[in-house]
Amino acid sequence: MSDSAVRRRADALRNAGSVLEAAAAVFVTSGVEAPIREIAARAGVGTATIYRHYPTRADLILAVYRLQVESLSEAGPALLVSEPGPHQALTRWIDRFVDFVVTKQGLASVLQSGESCYDPLHDYFLEHLVPVCTRLLEEAANAGEIVAGQDANELMRAVGSICAGANVAEGVRYDVRHLVRLLINGLRP
């Protein structure tokens, strides 16, 4: 492969990454139906670059979702190494999970649209994140920092429900992070 081909390939990978980061940010502020030109401007690329990598809006949404699930999945083991204890690692991971869930609220209508291309996302989410949360819970329980026997799927559903409440509580003080911390601290013996 020539040097110019290697440089083009590196540029293409960099562009794809910046497109996904830009799309994720735009989806949070403007929703998943935001104009592609808004995503392109934020990524510093042309709209043709986006369409070259992600021919349909669904392709782009799927790629953003998968990238964020993978990032969250990788964060769990890293936090077990970097945090002072497993409960702290669990707390930090749940903070990231809250960010993930809150930014996905705009995707709810798309994910429930009935389009078959989105059907595998729920299983993808469960396959990647439930084992990570399970490990964090087990490590914290083994260290005596939480009550043993906690169910990761149940905990993640509870956090998701708390996050969903933020959208319906207009005019009412509703601090998602405070409520989730109460939940996590409630796992302690």
N, C-alpha and C. Protein backbone atom coordinates (compact mmCIF):
# COMPACT_ATOMS: atom_id res chain seq x y z
N MET A 1 0.85 -1.18 0.00
CA MET A 1 0.00 0.00 0.00
C MET A 1 0.89 1.24 0.00
N SER A 2 0.59 2.20 -0.82
CA SER A 2 1.41 3.41 -0.93
C SER A 2 1.20 4.30 0.29
N ASP A 3 2.16 5.23 0.48
CA ASP A 3 2.05 6.18 1.60
C ASP A 3 0.80 7.03 1.48
N SER A 4 0.45 7.43 0.27
CA SER A 4 -0.75 8.26 0.10
C SER A 4 -2.01 7.47 0.42
N ALA A 5 -2.03 6.18 0.10
CA ALA A 5 -3.19 5.35 0.42
C ALA A 5 -3.31 5.17 1.93
N VAL A 6 -2.17 5.01 2.61
CA VAL A 6 -2.18 4.89 4.07
C VAL A 6 -2.67 6.18 4.70
N ARG A 7 -2.21 7.34 4.18
CA ARG A 7 -2.66 8.63 4.70
C ARG A 7 -4.16 8.82 4.48
N ARG A 8 -4.65 8.43 3.29
CA ARG A 8 -6.09 8.54 3.01
C ARG A 8 -6.89 7.66 3.96
N ARG A 9 -6.39 6.46 4.21
CA ARG A 9 -7.08 5.53 5.12
C ARG A 9 -7.12 6.12 6.53
N ALA A 10 -6.00 6.67 7.00
CA ALA A 10 -5.94 7.29 8.32
C ALA A 10 -6.90 8.47 8.41
N ASP A 11 -6.94 9.28 7.34
CA ASP A 11 -7.88 10.41 7.31
C ASP A 11 -9.32 9.92 7.36
N ALA A 12 -9.62 8.86 6.63
CA ALA A 12 -10.98 8.31 6.61
C ALA A 12 -11.39 7.83 7.99
N LEU A 13 -10.49 7.13 8.69
CA LEU A 13 -10.80 6.66 10.03
C LEU A 13 -10.99 7.82 11.00
N ARG A 14 -10.14 8.83 10.90
CA ARG A 14 -10.26 10.02 11.74
C ARG A 14 -11.58 10.74 11.47
N ASN A 15 -11.93 10.87 10.18
CA ASN A 15 -13.19 11.51 9.82
C ASN A 15 -14.38 10.74 10.37
N ALA A 16 -14.35 9.42 10.25
CA ALA A 16 -15.45 8.59 10.75
C ALA A 16 -15.61 8.78 12.25
N GLY A 17 -14.50 8.81 12.97
CA GLY A 17 -14.56 9.03 14.42
C GLY A 17 -15.10 10.39 14.78
N SER A 18 -14.65 11.43 14.06
CA SER A 18 -15.14 12.77 14.37
C SER A 18 -16.61 12.92 14.01
N VAL A 19 -17.05 12.21 12.98
CA VAL A 19 -18.46 12.24 12.60
C VAL A 19 -19.31 11.63 13.71
N LEU A 20 -18.87 10.50 14.27
CA LEU A 20 -19.64 9.85 15.33
C LEU A 20 -19.69 10.71 16.59
N GLU A 21 -18.57 11.32 16.95
CA GLU A 21 -18.56 12.22 18.11
C GLU A 21 -19.49 13.41 17.87
N ALA A 22 -19.41 13.99 16.69
CA ALA A 22 -20.26 15.13 16.37
C ALA A 22 -21.73 14.73 16.35
N ALA A 23 -22.03 13.59 15.75
CA ALA A 23 -23.42 13.13 15.69
C ALA A 23 -23.98 12.91 17.08
N ALA A 24 -23.18 12.30 17.96
CA ALA A 24 -23.65 12.06 19.33
C ALA A 24 -23.98 13.38 20.01
N ALA A 25 -23.12 14.37 19.86
CA ALA A 25 -23.36 15.67 20.48
C ALA A 25 -24.58 16.36 19.88
N VAL A 26 -24.72 16.31 18.58
CA VAL A 26 -25.85 16.95 17.92
C VAL A 26 -27.16 16.24 18.27
N PHE A 27 -27.12 14.93 18.38
CA PHE A 27 -28.34 14.18 18.74
C PHE A 27 -28.84 14.61 20.12
N VAL A 28 -27.92 14.92 21.03
CA VAL A 28 -28.31 15.36 22.38
C VAL A 28 -28.98 16.73 22.32
N THR A 29 -28.41 17.64 21.55
CA THR A 29 -28.93 19.01 21.54
C THR A 29 -30.07 19.22 20.56
N SER A 30 -30.04 18.53 19.42
CA SER A 30 -31.01 18.80 18.36
C SER A 30 -31.88 17.60 17.98
N GLY A 31 -31.64 16.46 18.60
CA GLY A 31 -32.41 15.27 18.29
C GLY A 31 -31.83 14.50 17.12
N VAL A 32 -32.30 13.27 16.95
CA VAL A 32 -31.76 12.40 15.91
C VAL A 32 -32.20 12.80 14.51
N GLU A 33 -33.14 13.69 14.42
CA GLU A 33 -33.59 14.15 13.10
C GLU A 33 -32.87 15.44 12.68
N ALA A 34 -31.84 15.82 13.42
CA ALA A 34 -31.08 17.03 13.10
C ALA A 34 -30.53 16.94 11.68
N PRO A 35 -30.43 18.07 11.00
CA PRO A 35 -29.89 18.05 9.64
C PRO A 35 -28.45 17.51 9.60
N ILE A 36 -28.18 16.72 8.60
CA ILE A 36 -26.84 16.14 8.42
C ILE A 36 -25.81 17.26 8.30
N ARG A 37 -26.19 18.37 7.71
CA ARG A 37 -25.22 19.48 7.57
C ARG A 37 -24.79 20.03 8.94
N GLU A 38 -25.67 19.93 9.96
CA GLU A 38 -25.30 20.36 11.31
C GLU A 38 -24.23 19.43 11.89
N ILE A 39 -24.39 18.15 11.65
CA ILE A 39 -23.40 17.17 12.11
C ILE A 39 -22.08 17.37 11.36
N ALA A 40 -22.18 17.57 10.05
CA ALA A 40 -20.98 17.77 9.22
C ALA A 40 -20.21 19.01 9.68
N ALA A 41 -20.93 20.09 9.95
CA ALA A 41 -20.27 21.33 10.39
C ALA A 41 -19.55 21.10 11.72
N ARG A 42 -20.20 20.41 12.62
CA ARG A 42 -19.59 20.16 13.94
C ARG A 42 -18.37 19.25 13.81
N ALA A 43 -18.42 18.30 12.87
CA ALA A 43 -17.30 17.36 12.67
C ALA A 43 -16.19 17.96 11.82
N GLY A 44 -16.48 19.07 11.14
CA GLY A 44 -15.47 19.67 10.27
C GLY A 44 -15.26 18.91 8.98
N VAL A 45 -16.34 18.27 8.49
CA VAL A 45 -16.27 17.52 7.24
C VAL A 45 -17.45 17.94 6.36
N GLY A 46 -17.44 17.50 5.13
CA GLY A 46 -18.58 17.76 4.25
C GLY A 46 -19.66 16.71 4.44
N THR A 47 -20.85 17.02 4.00
CA THR A 47 -21.95 16.06 4.12
C THR A 47 -21.66 14.79 3.32
N ALA A 48 -20.92 14.92 2.23
CA ALA A 48 -20.58 13.73 1.42
C ALA A 48 -19.76 12.74 2.23
N THR A 49 -18.90 13.24 3.10
CA THR A 49 -18.10 12.36 3.96
C THR A 49 -19.01 11.55 4.87
N ILE A 50 -20.02 12.20 5.42
CA ILE A 50 -20.95 11.48 6.30
C ILE A 50 -21.67 10.40 5.51
N TYR A 51 -22.20 10.77 4.36
CA TYR A 51 -22.95 9.79 3.56
C TYR A 51 -22.06 8.67 3.04
N ARG A 52 -20.77 8.95 2.84
CA ARG A 52 -19.85 7.90 2.38
C ARG A 52 -19.67 6.84 3.48
N HIS A 53 -19.58 7.29 4.72
CA HIS A 53 -19.41 6.37 5.84
C HIS A 53 -20.73 5.78 6.33
N TYR A 54 -21.79 6.59 6.28
CA TYR A 54 -23.09 6.20 6.83
C TYR A 54 -24.17 6.59 5.81
N PRO A 55 -24.46 5.70 4.86
CA PRO A 55 -25.36 6.03 3.75
C PRO A 55 -26.77 6.46 4.18
N THR A 56 -27.23 5.97 5.33
CA THR A 56 -28.56 6.36 5.79
C THR A 56 -28.46 6.92 7.21
N ARG A 57 -29.48 7.65 7.60
CA ARG A 57 -29.53 8.18 8.97
C ARG A 57 -29.52 7.01 9.97
N ALA A 58 -30.21 5.94 9.63
CA ALA A 58 -30.23 4.77 10.51
C ALA A 58 -28.82 4.21 10.71
N ASP A 59 -28.01 4.18 9.67
CA ASP A 59 -26.63 3.71 9.78
C ASP A 59 -25.85 4.57 10.78
N LEU A 60 -26.06 5.87 10.70
CA LEU A 60 -25.38 6.80 11.59
C LEU A 60 -25.85 6.61 13.03
N ILE A 61 -27.14 6.51 13.24
CA ILE A 61 -27.69 6.31 14.58
C ILE A 61 -27.17 5.01 15.19
N LEU A 62 -27.19 3.95 14.41
CA LEU A 62 -26.69 2.65 14.89
C LEU A 62 -25.22 2.73 15.27
N ALA A 63 -24.43 3.40 14.45
CA ALA A 63 -22.99 3.50 14.72
C ALA A 63 -22.73 4.31 16.00
N VAL A 64 -23.46 5.39 16.19
CA VAL A 64 -23.29 6.20 17.40
C VAL A 64 -23.66 5.37 18.63
N TYR A 65 -24.80 4.71 18.56
CA TYR A 65 -25.28 3.91 19.68
C TYR A 65 -24.27 2.82 20.03
N ARG A 66 -23.80 2.10 19.03
CA ARG A 66 -22.85 1.01 19.28
C ARG A 66 -21.54 1.53 19.87
N LEU A 67 -21.06 2.63 19.33
CA LEU A 67 -19.81 3.21 19.84
C LEU A 67 -19.95 3.57 21.31
N GLN A 68 -21.07 4.15 21.67
CA GLN A 68 -21.26 4.55 23.06
C GLN A 68 -21.44 3.35 23.98
N VAL A 69 -22.11 2.32 23.51
CA VAL A 69 -22.25 1.09 24.31
C VAL A 69 -20.87 0.46 24.52
N GLU A 70 -20.07 0.40 23.47
CA GLU A 70 -18.73 -0.18 23.58
C GLU A 70 -17.86 0.62 24.54
N SER A 71 -17.95 1.93 24.47
CA SER A 71 -17.18 2.79 25.36
C SER A 71 -17.57 2.55 26.82
N LEU A 72 -18.85 2.46 27.07
CA LEU A 72 -19.35 2.19 28.42
C LEU A 72 -18.93 0.80 28.89
N SER A 73 -18.95 -0.14 27.99
CA SER A 73 -18.55 -1.51 28.31
C SER A 73 -17.07 -1.56 28.71
N GLU A 74 -16.24 -0.85 27.99
CA GLU A 74 -14.80 -0.83 28.27
C GLU A 74 -14.48 -0.06 29.55
N ALA A 75 -15.34 0.87 29.91
CA ALA A 75 -15.09 1.70 31.09
C ALA A 75 -15.14 0.90 32.39
N GLY A 76 -16.01 -0.11 32.46
CA GLY A 76 -16.15 -0.87 33.71
C GLY A 76 -14.86 -1.47 34.22
N PRO A 77 -14.20 -2.32 33.43
CA PRO A 77 -12.93 -2.90 33.89
C PRO A 77 -11.86 -1.83 34.17
N ALA A 78 -11.83 -0.79 33.36
CA ALA A 78 -10.84 0.27 33.58
C ALA A 78 -11.08 0.97 34.92
N LEU A 79 -12.34 1.19 35.26
CA LEU A 79 -12.65 1.84 36.53
C LEU A 79 -12.29 0.95 37.72
N LEU A 80 -12.44 -0.36 37.58
CA LEU A 80 -12.05 -1.26 38.66
C LEU A 80 -10.55 -1.14 38.96
N VAL A 81 -9.78 -0.83 37.95
CA VAL A 81 -8.34 -0.68 38.13
C VAL A 81 -7.99 0.71 38.67
N SER A 82 -8.68 1.74 38.18
CA SER A 82 -8.28 3.12 38.50
C SER A 82 -8.92 3.70 39.77
N GLU A 83 -10.04 3.19 40.19
CA GLU A 83 -10.72 3.75 41.36
C GLU A 83 -10.22 3.09 42.64
N PRO A 84 -10.36 3.78 43.78
CA PRO A 84 -9.82 3.25 45.03
C PRO A 84 -10.54 2.00 45.55
N GLY A 85 -11.75 1.75 45.10
CA GLY A 85 -12.46 0.57 45.55
C GLY A 85 -13.58 0.23 44.58
N PRO A 86 -14.12 -1.00 44.67
CA PRO A 86 -15.15 -1.43 43.74
C PRO A 86 -16.45 -0.61 43.83
N HIS A 87 -16.84 -0.17 45.04
CA HIS A 87 -18.05 0.64 45.14
C HIS A 87 -17.86 1.97 44.40
N GLN A 88 -16.68 2.55 44.54
CA GLN A 88 -16.38 3.80 43.83
C GLN A 88 -16.37 3.55 42.32
N ALA A 89 -15.83 2.42 41.88
CA ALA A 89 -15.84 2.08 40.46
C ALA A 89 -17.27 1.92 39.96
N LEU A 90 -18.10 1.24 40.75
CA LEU A 90 -19.51 1.08 40.40
C LEU A 90 -20.20 2.44 40.31
N THR A 91 -19.95 3.30 41.27
CA THR A 91 -20.56 4.64 41.28
C THR A 91 -20.15 5.43 40.04
N ARG A 92 -18.87 5.41 39.71
CA ARG A 92 -18.39 6.15 38.52
C ARG A 92 -18.98 5.56 37.24
N TRP A 93 -19.08 4.24 37.18
CA TRP A 93 -19.65 3.60 35.99
C TRP A 93 -21.13 3.95 35.86
N ILE A 94 -21.84 3.93 36.97
CA ILE A 94 -23.26 4.30 36.93
C ILE A 94 -23.40 5.76 36.51
N ASP A 95 -22.50 6.64 36.91
CA ASP A 95 -22.52 8.04 36.44
C ASP A 95 -22.43 8.07 34.91
N ARG A 96 -21.55 7.27 34.36
CA ARG A 96 -21.41 7.21 32.90
C ARG A 96 -22.65 6.59 32.26
N PHE A 97 -23.22 5.60 32.93
CA PHE A 97 -24.45 4.98 32.44
C PHE A 97 -25.58 6.01 32.42
N VAL A 98 -25.66 6.85 33.44
CA VAL A 98 -26.66 7.93 33.48
C VAL A 98 -26.47 8.85 32.27
N ASP A 99 -25.24 9.25 32.00
CA ASP A 99 -24.97 10.09 30.83
C ASP A 99 -25.47 9.40 29.56
N PHE A 100 -25.18 8.13 29.44
CA PHE A 100 -25.60 7.35 28.28
C PHE A 100 -27.12 7.34 28.16
N VAL A 101 -27.80 7.02 29.25
CA VAL A 101 -29.26 6.91 29.22
C VAL A 101 -29.90 8.26 28.92
N VAL A 102 -29.42 9.31 29.56
CA VAL A 102 -30.00 10.64 29.36
C VAL A 102 -29.84 11.08 27.91
N THR A 103 -28.69 10.80 27.32
CA THR A 103 -28.49 11.20 25.92
C THR A 103 -29.28 10.33 24.96
N LYS A 104 -29.74 9.19 25.41
CA LYS A 104 -30.53 8.31 24.54
C LYS A 104 -32.03 8.61 24.59
N GLN A 105 -32.45 9.49 25.47
CA GLN A 105 -33.88 9.79 25.57
C GLN A 105 -34.43 10.25 24.22
N GLY A 106 -33.66 11.02 23.47
CA GLY A 106 -34.10 11.47 22.16
C GLY A 106 -34.20 10.35 21.14
N LEU A 107 -33.52 9.26 21.41
CA LEU A 107 -33.55 8.13 20.50
C LEU A 107 -34.77 7.23 20.71
N ALA A 108 -35.48 7.44 21.79
CA ALA A 108 -36.59 6.54 22.13
C ALA A 108 -37.58 6.41 20.98
N SER A 109 -37.96 7.51 20.37
CA SER A 109 -38.95 7.44 19.29
C SER A 109 -38.40 6.67 18.09
N VAL A 110 -37.13 6.85 17.80
CA VAL A 110 -36.51 6.14 16.68
C VAL A 110 -36.41 4.65 17.00
N LEU A 111 -35.98 4.34 18.21
CA LEU A 111 -35.81 2.94 18.59
C LEU A 111 -37.15 2.21 18.66
N GLN A 112 -38.23 2.95 18.87
CA GLN A 112 -39.55 2.35 18.93
C GLN A 112 -40.34 2.57 17.64
N SER A 113 -39.64 2.93 16.58
CA SER A 113 -40.29 3.28 15.31
C SER A 113 -40.84 2.07 14.56
N GLY A 114 -40.40 0.89 14.94
CA GLY A 114 -40.83 -0.30 14.22
C GLY A 114 -39.91 -0.66 13.06
N GLU A 115 -38.89 0.18 12.81
CA GLU A 115 -37.93 -0.14 11.76
C GLU A 115 -37.05 -1.30 12.23
N SER A 116 -37.00 -2.34 11.45
CA SER A 116 -36.32 -3.57 11.87
C SER A 116 -34.82 -3.38 12.07
N CYS A 117 -34.23 -2.38 11.47
CA CYS A 117 -32.78 -2.18 11.62
C CYS A 117 -32.41 -1.85 13.07
N TYR A 118 -33.38 -1.35 13.85
CA TYR A 118 -33.10 -1.00 15.24
C TYR A 118 -33.36 -2.15 16.21
N ASP A 119 -33.99 -3.22 15.74
CA ASP A 119 -34.36 -4.34 16.61
C ASP A 119 -33.19 -4.93 17.40
N PRO A 120 -32.02 -5.10 16.80
CA PRO A 120 -30.92 -5.74 17.55
C PRO A 120 -30.29 -4.84 18.63
N LEU A 121 -30.62 -3.56 18.67
CA LEU A 121 -29.93 -2.66 19.60
C LEU A 121 -30.17 -3.02 21.06
N HIS A 122 -31.38 -3.42 21.40
CA HIS A 122 -31.65 -3.74 22.81
C HIS A 122 -30.80 -4.93 23.25
N ASP A 123 -30.75 -5.97 22.42
CA ASP A 123 -29.92 -7.13 22.75
C ASP A 123 -28.44 -6.76 22.80
N TYR A 124 -28.01 -5.90 21.89
CA TYR A 124 -26.62 -5.44 21.87
C TYR A 124 -26.28 -4.74 23.19
N PHE A 125 -27.18 -3.89 23.62
CA PHE A 125 -27.05 -3.16 24.88
C PHE A 125 -26.91 -4.16 26.04
N LEU A 126 -27.84 -5.11 26.12
CA LEU A 126 -27.83 -6.07 27.22
C LEU A 126 -26.58 -6.95 27.20
N GLU A 127 -26.20 -7.44 26.02
CA GLU A 127 -25.04 -8.32 25.90
C GLU A 127 -23.75 -7.64 26.33
N HIS A 128 -23.66 -6.34 26.08
CA HIS A 128 -22.42 -5.62 26.40
C HIS A 128 -22.41 -5.02 27.80
N LEU A 129 -23.54 -4.55 28.29
CA LEU A 129 -23.52 -3.79 29.54
C LEU A 129 -23.91 -4.58 30.78
N VAL A 130 -24.81 -5.54 30.66
CA VAL A 130 -25.20 -6.31 31.85
C VAL A 130 -24.00 -7.06 32.44
N PRO A 131 -23.16 -7.72 31.64
CA PRO A 131 -21.99 -8.39 32.24
C PRO A 131 -21.04 -7.42 32.95
N VAL A 132 -20.88 -6.23 32.43
CA VAL A 132 -19.99 -5.25 33.06
C VAL A 132 -20.58 -4.82 34.40
N CYS A 133 -21.85 -4.50 34.41
CA CYS A 133 -22.50 -4.10 35.66
C CYS A 133 -22.48 -5.25 36.66
N THR A 134 -22.70 -6.46 36.19
CA THR A 134 -22.66 -7.65 37.06
C THR A 134 -21.29 -7.78 37.72
N ARG A 135 -20.25 -7.62 36.93
CA ARG A 135 -18.90 -7.73 37.49
C ARG A 135 -18.65 -6.64 38.53
N LEU A 136 -19.07 -5.41 38.24
CA LEU A 136 -18.89 -4.32 39.21
C LEU A 136 -19.63 -4.62 40.51
N LEU A 137 -20.86 -5.12 40.39
CA LEU A 137 -21.64 -5.46 41.58
C LEU A 137 -20.97 -6.60 42.37
N GLU A 138 -20.50 -7.62 41.67
CA GLU A 138 -19.85 -8.75 42.33
C GLU A 138 -18.58 -8.33 43.04
N GLU A 139 -17.78 -7.49 42.38
CA GLU A 139 -16.53 -7.01 42.99
C GLU A 139 -16.83 -6.20 44.25
N ALA A 140 -17.85 -5.34 44.18
CA ALA A 140 -18.21 -4.53 45.35
C ALA A 140 -18.75 -5.41 46.47
N ALA A 141 -19.53 -6.43 46.12
CA ALA A 141 -20.06 -7.36 47.13
C ALA A 141 -18.92 -8.17 47.76
N ASN A 142 -18.00 -8.66 46.94
CA ASN A 142 -16.86 -9.43 47.44
C ASN A 142 -15.98 -8.61 48.38
N ALA A 143 -15.93 -7.30 48.15
CA ALA A 143 -15.16 -6.41 49.02
C ALA A 143 -15.95 -6.00 50.26
N GLY A 144 -17.19 -6.45 50.35
CA GLY A 144 -18.03 -6.10 51.49
C GLY A 144 -18.57 -4.68 51.44
N GLU A 145 -18.50 -4.07 50.27
CA GLU A 145 -18.93 -2.67 50.14
C GLU A 145 -20.41 -2.52 49.79
N ILE A 146 -21.05 -3.59 49.31
CA ILE A 146 -22.49 -3.59 49.06
C ILE A 146 -23.05 -4.95 49.50
N VAL A 147 -24.35 -5.02 49.63
CA VAL A 147 -25.02 -6.27 49.95
C VAL A 147 -24.91 -7.20 48.75
N ALA A 148 -24.55 -8.44 48.99
CA ALA A 148 -24.39 -9.43 47.92
C ALA A 148 -25.74 -9.76 47.29
N GLY A 149 -25.69 -10.26 46.05
CA GLY A 149 -26.88 -10.75 45.38
C GLY A 149 -27.66 -9.72 44.58
N GLN A 150 -27.04 -8.60 44.29
CA GLN A 150 -27.72 -7.57 43.51
C GLN A 150 -27.78 -7.98 42.04
N ASP A 151 -28.86 -7.64 41.37
CA ASP A 151 -29.07 -8.00 39.97
C ASP A 151 -28.77 -6.80 39.08
N ALA A 152 -27.83 -6.98 38.16
CA ALA A 152 -27.41 -5.88 37.29
C ALA A 152 -28.54 -5.36 36.42
N ASN A 153 -29.30 -6.27 35.84
CA ASN A 153 -30.40 -5.85 34.97
C ASN A 153 -31.41 -5.02 35.75
N GLU A 154 -31.72 -5.45 36.96
CA GLU A 154 -32.66 -4.72 37.81
C GLU A 154 -32.12 -3.32 38.14
N LEU A 155 -30.84 -3.25 38.51
CA LEU A 155 -30.23 -1.97 38.84
C LEU A 155 -30.24 -1.03 37.64
N MET A 156 -29.88 -1.56 36.47
CA MET A 156 -29.84 -0.72 35.27
C MET A 156 -31.24 -0.24 34.89
N ARG A 157 -32.24 -1.08 35.07
CA ARG A 157 -33.63 -0.67 34.80
C ARG A 157 -34.05 0.44 35.76
N ALA A 158 -33.66 0.30 37.02
CA ALA A 158 -34.01 1.32 38.02
C ALA A 158 -33.37 2.66 37.65
N VAL A 159 -32.10 2.62 37.28
CA VAL A 159 -31.42 3.86 36.87
C VAL A 159 -32.10 4.45 35.64
N GLY A 160 -32.45 3.59 34.67
CA GLY A 160 -33.14 4.06 33.48
C GLY A 160 -34.48 4.71 33.81
N SER A 161 -35.19 4.13 34.75
CA SER A 161 -36.48 4.70 35.16
C SER A 161 -36.31 6.06 35.83
N ILE A 162 -35.29 6.17 36.66
CA ILE A 162 -35.01 7.46 37.29
C ILE A 162 -34.68 8.50 36.23
N CYS A 163 -33.87 8.12 35.26
CA CYS A 163 -33.49 9.04 34.18
C CYS A 163 -34.71 9.46 33.35
N ALA A 164 -35.61 8.52 33.10
CA ALA A 164 -36.80 8.82 32.31
C ALA A 164 -37.68 9.84 33.02
N GLY A 165 -37.68 9.81 34.34
CA GLY A 165 -38.49 10.74 35.12
C GLY A 165 -38.08 12.19 34.93
N ALA A 166 -36.86 12.43 34.53
CA ALA A 166 -36.39 13.81 34.35
C ALA A 166 -37.14 14.51 33.23
N ASN A 167 -37.61 13.76 32.26
CA ASN A 167 -38.31 14.37 31.12
C ASN A 167 -39.75 14.75 31.44
N VAL A 168 -40.33 14.20 32.47
CA VAL A 168 -41.74 14.47 32.78
C VAL A 168 -41.90 15.35 34.00
N ALA A 169 -40.82 15.79 34.58
CA ALA A 169 -40.89 16.54 35.82
C ALA A 169 -40.65 18.03 35.62
N GLU A 170 -41.23 18.61 34.58
CA GLU A 170 -41.03 20.04 34.33
C GLU A 170 -41.53 20.87 35.50
N GLY A 171 -40.76 21.86 35.87
CA GLY A 171 -41.14 22.75 36.93
C GLY A 171 -40.96 22.17 38.32
N VAL A 172 -40.50 20.93 38.39
CA VAL A 172 -40.28 20.26 39.67
C VAL A 172 -38.79 19.96 39.79
N ARG A 173 -38.23 20.18 40.97
CA ARG A 173 -36.82 19.83 41.18
C ARG A 173 -36.68 18.33 41.01
N TYR A 174 -35.86 17.92 40.09
CA TYR A 174 -35.65 16.50 39.83
C TYR A 174 -34.20 16.32 39.44
N ASP A 175 -33.37 16.01 40.41
CA ASP A 175 -31.94 15.86 40.20
C ASP A 175 -31.61 14.38 40.00
N VAL A 176 -31.48 13.99 38.75
CA VAL A 176 -31.23 12.59 38.39
C VAL A 176 -30.02 12.04 39.13
N ARG A 177 -28.93 12.78 39.11
CA ARG A 177 -27.70 12.28 39.72
C ARG A 177 -27.86 12.07 41.22
N HIS A 178 -28.55 12.99 41.88
CA HIS A 178 -28.79 12.85 43.32
C HIS A 178 -29.61 11.58 43.59
N LEU A 179 -30.66 11.38 42.83
CA LEU A 179 -31.51 10.21 43.03
C LEU A 179 -30.77 8.90 42.74
N VAL A 180 -29.96 8.89 41.70
CA VAL A 180 -29.19 7.68 41.37
C VAL A 180 -28.15 7.41 42.45
N ARG A 181 -27.54 8.45 42.99
CA ARG A 181 -26.56 8.24 44.08
C ARG A 181 -27.25 7.66 45.32
N LEU A 182 -28.48 8.13 45.61
CA LEU A 182 -29.23 7.54 46.72
C LEU A 182 -29.44 6.04 46.48
N LEU A 183 -29.78 5.70 45.25
CA LEU A 183 -29.99 4.29 44.89
C LEU A 183 -28.70 3.48 45.08
N ILE A 184 -27.60 3.98 44.57
CA ILE A 184 -26.32 3.27 44.67
C ILE A 184 -25.86 3.16 46.11
N ASN A 185 -26.01 4.24 46.86
CA ASN A 185 -25.63 4.19 48.28
C ASN A 185 -26.54 3.25 49.07
N GLY A 186 -27.75 3.06 48.61
CA GLY A 186 -28.67 2.12 49.24
C GLY A 186 -28.25 0.67 49.09
N LEU A 187 -27.29 0.39 48.23
CA LEU A 187 -26.77 -0.98 48.08
C LEU A 187 -25.81 -1.35 49.20
N ARG A 188 -25.35 -0.35 49.93
CA ARG A 188 -24.38 -0.61 51.00
C ARG A 188 -25.01 -1.43 52.12
N PRO A 189 -24.18 -2.23 52.79
CA PRO A 189 -24.72 -3.06 53.91
C PRO A 189 -25.17 -2.20 55.09
